[in-house]
N, C-alpha and C. Protein backbone atom coordinates (compact mmCIF):
# COMPACT_ATOMS: atom_id res chain seq x y z
N MET A 1 -25.64 -174.33 -68.37
CA MET A 1 -26.93 -173.63 -68.87
C MET A 1 -27.58 -173.03 -67.64
N ILE A 2 -27.73 -173.85 -66.57
CA ILE A 2 -28.41 -173.35 -65.33
C ILE A 2 -27.57 -172.20 -64.76
N TYR A 3 -26.25 -172.32 -64.79
CA TYR A 3 -25.47 -171.19 -64.18
C TYR A 3 -25.67 -169.88 -64.94
N LYS A 4 -25.79 -170.00 -66.29
CA LYS A 4 -26.00 -168.77 -67.12
C LYS A 4 -27.34 -168.06 -66.79
N ARG A 5 -28.36 -168.88 -66.57
CA ARG A 5 -29.69 -168.34 -66.17
C ARG A 5 -29.54 -167.71 -64.72
N TRP A 6 -28.92 -168.34 -63.84
CA TRP A 6 -28.77 -167.85 -62.48
C TRP A 6 -27.91 -166.53 -62.52
N ARG A 7 -26.93 -166.52 -63.32
CA ARG A 7 -26.05 -165.33 -63.41
C ARG A 7 -26.87 -164.16 -64.02
N THR A 8 -27.76 -164.37 -64.95
CA THR A 8 -28.53 -163.33 -65.60
C THR A 8 -29.55 -162.85 -64.59
N LYS A 9 -30.22 -163.69 -63.78
CA LYS A 9 -31.09 -163.27 -62.79
C LYS A 9 -30.40 -162.48 -61.67
N LYS A 10 -29.18 -162.87 -61.32
CA LYS A 10 -28.41 -162.10 -60.41
C LYS A 10 -28.09 -160.73 -60.95
N SER A 11 -27.78 -160.67 -62.19
CA SER A 11 -27.45 -159.40 -62.80
C SER A 11 -28.58 -158.43 -62.85
N ILE A 12 -29.76 -159.00 -63.11
CA ILE A 12 -31.03 -158.18 -63.15
C ILE A 12 -31.30 -157.69 -61.72
N LEU A 13 -31.19 -158.57 -60.76
CA LEU A 13 -31.36 -158.16 -59.33
C LEU A 13 -30.46 -157.04 -58.93
N THR A 14 -29.13 -157.23 -59.27
CA THR A 14 -28.15 -156.25 -58.95
C THR A 14 -28.49 -154.90 -59.64
N SER A 15 -28.84 -154.99 -60.86
CA SER A 15 -29.23 -153.69 -61.56
C SER A 15 -30.45 -153.01 -60.90
N LEU A 16 -31.37 -153.78 -60.57
CA LEU A 16 -32.60 -153.14 -59.90
C LEU A 16 -32.22 -152.49 -58.60
N ILE A 17 -31.33 -153.19 -57.81
CA ILE A 17 -30.90 -152.65 -56.57
C ILE A 17 -30.09 -151.39 -56.80
N GLU A 18 -29.25 -151.30 -57.86
CA GLU A 18 -28.47 -150.14 -58.18
C GLU A 18 -29.46 -149.00 -58.55
N ILE A 19 -30.47 -149.25 -59.31
CA ILE A 19 -31.52 -148.29 -59.70
C ILE A 19 -32.18 -147.73 -58.45
N ALA A 20 -32.58 -148.58 -57.53
CA ALA A 20 -33.20 -148.15 -56.33
C ALA A 20 -32.26 -147.24 -55.51
N THR A 21 -31.00 -147.57 -55.45
CA THR A 21 -30.02 -146.79 -54.75
C THR A 21 -29.88 -145.37 -55.46
N GLY A 22 -29.83 -145.35 -56.71
CA GLY A 22 -29.73 -144.08 -57.50
C GLY A 22 -30.97 -143.27 -57.24
N LEU A 23 -32.10 -143.87 -57.14
CA LEU A 23 -33.35 -143.13 -56.88
C LEU A 23 -33.54 -142.78 -55.45
N ARG A 24 -32.67 -143.26 -54.65
CA ARG A 24 -32.67 -143.09 -53.18
C ARG A 24 -34.00 -143.62 -52.56
N VAL A 25 -34.43 -144.74 -52.99
CA VAL A 25 -35.56 -145.44 -52.38
C VAL A 25 -35.14 -146.85 -51.97
N HIS A 26 -35.88 -147.43 -51.04
CA HIS A 26 -35.63 -148.76 -50.59
C HIS A 26 -35.88 -149.72 -51.71
N PRO A 27 -35.04 -150.73 -51.90
CA PRO A 27 -35.32 -151.65 -53.04
C PRO A 27 -36.60 -152.27 -52.97
N LYS A 28 -37.18 -152.41 -51.80
CA LYS A 28 -38.53 -153.08 -51.59
C LYS A 28 -39.60 -152.34 -52.41
N GLU A 29 -39.36 -151.04 -52.51
CA GLU A 29 -40.35 -150.21 -53.28
C GLU A 29 -40.31 -150.56 -54.79
N ILE A 30 -39.07 -150.86 -55.27
CA ILE A 30 -38.87 -151.24 -56.70
C ILE A 30 -39.56 -152.57 -56.91
N PHE A 31 -39.42 -153.50 -55.94
CA PHE A 31 -39.95 -154.85 -56.16
C PHE A 31 -41.48 -155.02 -55.79
N ASP A 32 -42.01 -153.96 -55.13
CA ASP A 32 -43.42 -154.02 -54.73
C ASP A 32 -44.29 -153.83 -55.98
N ILE A 33 -44.73 -154.95 -56.54
CA ILE A 33 -45.54 -154.91 -57.72
C ILE A 33 -47.02 -155.08 -57.39
N MET A 34 -47.87 -154.13 -57.81
CA MET A 34 -49.31 -154.28 -57.57
C MET A 34 -49.88 -154.96 -58.83
N PHE A 35 -50.48 -156.09 -58.52
CA PHE A 35 -51.02 -156.97 -59.59
C PHE A 35 -52.32 -157.53 -59.09
N ASP A 36 -53.42 -157.31 -59.80
CA ASP A 36 -54.77 -157.79 -59.35
C ASP A 36 -54.95 -159.09 -60.02
N PHE A 37 -54.68 -160.24 -59.27
CA PHE A 37 -54.82 -161.62 -59.84
C PHE A 37 -56.26 -161.98 -60.15
N GLU A 38 -57.24 -161.38 -59.31
CA GLU A 38 -58.59 -161.71 -59.56
C GLU A 38 -59.08 -161.13 -60.94
N GLU A 39 -58.66 -159.86 -61.21
CA GLU A 39 -59.00 -159.31 -62.49
C GLU A 39 -58.32 -160.11 -63.70
N TYR A 40 -57.12 -160.41 -63.44
CA TYR A 40 -56.38 -161.21 -64.54
C TYR A 40 -57.11 -162.60 -64.77
N TYR A 41 -57.39 -163.27 -63.74
CA TYR A 41 -58.07 -164.59 -63.91
C TYR A 41 -59.43 -164.37 -64.47
N ALA A 42 -60.22 -163.34 -64.04
CA ALA A 42 -61.50 -163.05 -64.63
C ALA A 42 -61.40 -162.79 -66.24
N ASN A 43 -60.40 -162.11 -66.61
CA ASN A 43 -60.15 -161.90 -68.05
C ASN A 43 -59.88 -163.23 -68.71
N LEU A 44 -59.03 -164.03 -68.12
CA LEU A 44 -58.76 -165.30 -68.77
C LEU A 44 -60.02 -166.18 -68.89
N ASP A 45 -60.91 -166.17 -67.83
CA ASP A 45 -62.09 -166.88 -67.91
C ASP A 45 -62.99 -166.36 -69.03
N ASP A 46 -63.04 -165.05 -69.12
CA ASP A 46 -63.87 -164.46 -70.20
C ASP A 46 -63.38 -164.84 -71.59
N ILE A 47 -62.08 -164.90 -71.74
CA ILE A 47 -61.56 -165.36 -73.05
C ILE A 47 -61.76 -166.78 -73.25
N ALA A 48 -61.74 -167.59 -72.26
CA ALA A 48 -62.01 -169.04 -72.47
C ALA A 48 -63.50 -169.23 -72.79
N LYS A 49 -64.39 -168.46 -72.09
CA LYS A 49 -65.89 -168.61 -72.47
C LYS A 49 -66.08 -168.20 -73.87
N ASN A 50 -65.43 -167.14 -74.36
CA ASN A 50 -65.65 -166.76 -75.76
C ASN A 50 -65.15 -167.69 -76.76
N ASN A 51 -64.01 -168.41 -76.32
CA ASN A 51 -63.49 -169.48 -77.25
C ASN A 51 -64.41 -170.65 -77.34
N ASP A 52 -65.18 -170.93 -76.29
CA ASP A 52 -66.12 -172.05 -76.16
C ASP A 52 -67.25 -171.85 -77.03
N ILE A 53 -67.69 -170.68 -77.32
CA ILE A 53 -68.81 -170.41 -78.14
C ILE A 53 -68.58 -170.75 -79.59
N PRO A 54 -69.37 -171.66 -80.26
CA PRO A 54 -69.11 -172.01 -81.58
C PRO A 54 -69.39 -170.76 -82.50
N LYS A 55 -68.46 -170.64 -83.46
CA LYS A 55 -68.65 -169.49 -84.41
C LYS A 55 -69.42 -169.93 -85.58
N LYS A 56 -70.26 -169.00 -86.05
CA LYS A 56 -71.24 -169.31 -87.20
C LYS A 56 -70.59 -169.20 -88.45
């Protein structure tokens, strides 16, 4: 089971590297993900606060 997961992840990685090669960009650019964790956690906190308010 663990081998199958590893093989799948390896296949995904290989595919992304092939896409980067086809686009003629460095693979790092494909993996460079911009994600604002502060905004994400703020939204989660907002949702949690709204769930704490008793509904009428």
